[in-house]
């Protein structure tokens, strides 16, 4: 139960904070949530990863649909992945998920060192 609460909390708070703060503020959110919700290190990493991965994937797909894939096709061409906007959304979500996952993992390890 703590696992799902952590995923939802990280996702919602990252969205709200992301409206006003830089993109890397999601790491602070994941760190703080993992600090307050005690989990094993792997569960903590996974909840941070999934919370932001799902959020960024949905946001990327929503933004992509709003502009008819124009921006994603151009960025995909620059990165050499072709005009695959779905692949670009997954790559972006993966990067955000890694940042949040490692932040949550750091908080979990900090909590166990006390």
Protein backbone atom coordinates (compact mmCIF):
# COMPACT_ATOMS: atom_id res chain seq x y z
CA UNK A 1 0.00 0.00 0.00
CA UNK A 2 2.85 2.39 0.79
CA UNK A 3 4.26 1.67 -2.65
CA UNK A 4 1.16 2.89 -4.49
CA UNK A 5 0.70 5.87 -2.19
CA UNK A 6 4.30 6.83 -2.86
CA UNK A 7 3.85 6.58 -6.65
CA UNK A 8 0.70 8.70 -6.61
CA UNK A 9 2.17 11.26 -4.21
CA UNK A 10 5.36 11.65 -6.23
CA UNK A 11 3.40 11.98 -9.46
CA UNK A 12 0.95 14.58 -8.16
CA UNK A 13 3.52 16.65 -6.27
CA UNK A 14 5.95 16.55 -9.20
CA UNK A 15 3.23 17.85 -11.49
CA UNK A 16 2.29 20.68 -9.12
CA UNK A 17 5.87 21.68 -8.32
CA UNK A 18 6.81 21.35 -12.00
CA UNK A 19 4.39 24.14 -12.87
CA UNK A 20 6.44 26.63 -10.84
CA UNK A 21 9.95 25.19 -10.49
CA UNK A 22 12.60 23.81 -12.88
CA UNK A 23 12.39 20.27 -14.21
CA UNK A 24 14.91 18.92 -11.71
CA UNK A 25 12.63 19.82 -8.80
CA UNK A 26 11.06 16.40 -9.29
CA UNK A 27 14.22 14.97 -7.69
CA UNK A 28 13.55 17.02 -4.56
CA UNK A 29 9.95 15.84 -4.51
CA UNK A 30 10.93 12.18 -4.87
CA UNK A 31 13.62 12.57 -2.20
CA UNK A 32 11.24 14.15 0.32
CA UNK A 33 8.45 11.64 -0.31
CA UNK A 34 10.84 8.71 0.01
CA UNK A 35 12.22 10.22 3.19
CA UNK A 36 8.76 10.35 4.78
CA UNK A 37 7.38 7.07 3.41
CA UNK A 38 9.62 4.30 4.68
CA UNK A 39 10.27 1.58 2.08
CA UNK A 40 13.00 -0.82 1.11
CA UNK A 41 15.60 0.71 -1.25
CA UNK A 42 14.40 -1.11 -4.38
CA UNK A 43 10.75 -0.25 -3.70
CA UNK A 44 11.73 3.33 -3.06
CA UNK A 45 13.64 3.53 -6.36
CA UNK A 46 10.80 1.89 -8.25
CA UNK A 47 8.14 4.15 -6.78
CA UNK A 48 10.16 7.26 -7.64
CA UNK A 49 10.87 5.95 -11.12
CA UNK A 50 7.27 4.97 -11.87
CA UNK A 51 5.76 8.13 -10.38
CA UNK A 52 7.71 10.42 -12.69
CA UNK A 53 7.88 8.01 -15.64
CA UNK A 54 4.10 7.80 -15.84
CA UNK A 55 3.70 11.54 -15.30
CA UNK A 56 6.22 12.55 -17.96
CA UNK A 57 4.94 9.96 -20.42
CA UNK A 58 1.38 11.24 -20.10
CA UNK A 59 2.52 14.87 -20.31
CA UNK A 60 4.68 14.21 -23.37
CA UNK A 61 1.88 12.37 -25.17
CA UNK A 62 -0.61 15.09 -24.27
CA UNK A 63 1.67 17.87 -25.50
CA UNK A 64 2.46 15.85 -28.62
CA UNK A 65 -1.22 15.41 -29.41
CA UNK A 66 -1.88 19.11 -28.85
CA UNK A 67 0.61 20.22 -31.53
CA UNK A 68 0.01 17.40 -34.06
CA UNK A 69 3.48 15.87 -33.49
CA UNK A 70 5.27 18.76 -35.17
CA UNK A 71 7.78 19.39 -32.39
CA UNK A 72 8.37 15.72 -31.60
CA UNK A 73 9.04 14.90 -35.25
CA UNK A 74 11.64 17.67 -35.51
CA UNK A 75 13.37 16.72 -32.27
CA UNK A 76 13.28 13.06 -33.25
CA UNK A 77 14.98 13.96 -36.50
CA UNK A 78 17.71 15.82 -34.61
CA UNK A 79 18.33 12.84 -32.32
CA UNK A 80 18.33 10.38 -35.19
CA UNK A 81 15.34 8.34 -34.05
CA UNK A 82 13.20 9.33 -37.00
CA UNK A 83 9.73 10.73 -36.66
CA UNK A 84 8.75 8.46 -33.81
CA UNK A 85 7.09 10.74 -31.29
CA UNK A 86 6.15 7.78 -29.10
CA UNK A 87 9.79 6.70 -28.78
CA UNK A 88 10.78 10.26 -27.91
CA UNK A 89 8.11 10.36 -25.21
CA UNK A 90 9.41 7.09 -23.73
CA UNK A 91 13.01 8.34 -23.79
CA UNK A 92 12.01 11.56 -22.01
CA UNK A 93 9.96 9.67 -19.45
CA UNK A 94 12.83 7.24 -18.86
CA UNK A 95 15.27 10.08 -18.13
CA UNK A 96 12.86 11.74 -15.71
CA UNK A 97 12.14 8.40 -14.07
CA UNK A 98 15.83 7.73 -13.53
CA UNK A 99 16.35 11.12 -11.90
CA UNK A 100 13.43 10.62 -9.52
CA UNK A 101 14.28 6.99 -8.88
CA UNK A 102 17.84 7.75 -7.84
CA UNK A 103 16.65 10.64 -5.66
CA UNK A 104 14.20 8.33 -3.90
CA UNK A 105 16.89 5.66 -3.56
CA UNK A 106 19.22 8.21 -1.97
CA UNK A 107 16.55 9.12 0.57
CA UNK A 108 15.95 5.47 1.33
CA UNK A 109 19.64 4.88 1.98
CA UNK A 110 19.83 8.03 4.10
CA UNK A 111 16.93 6.78 6.16
CA UNK A 112 18.58 3.40 6.78
CA UNK A 113 21.88 5.00 7.85
CA UNK A 114 20.33 6.74 10.85
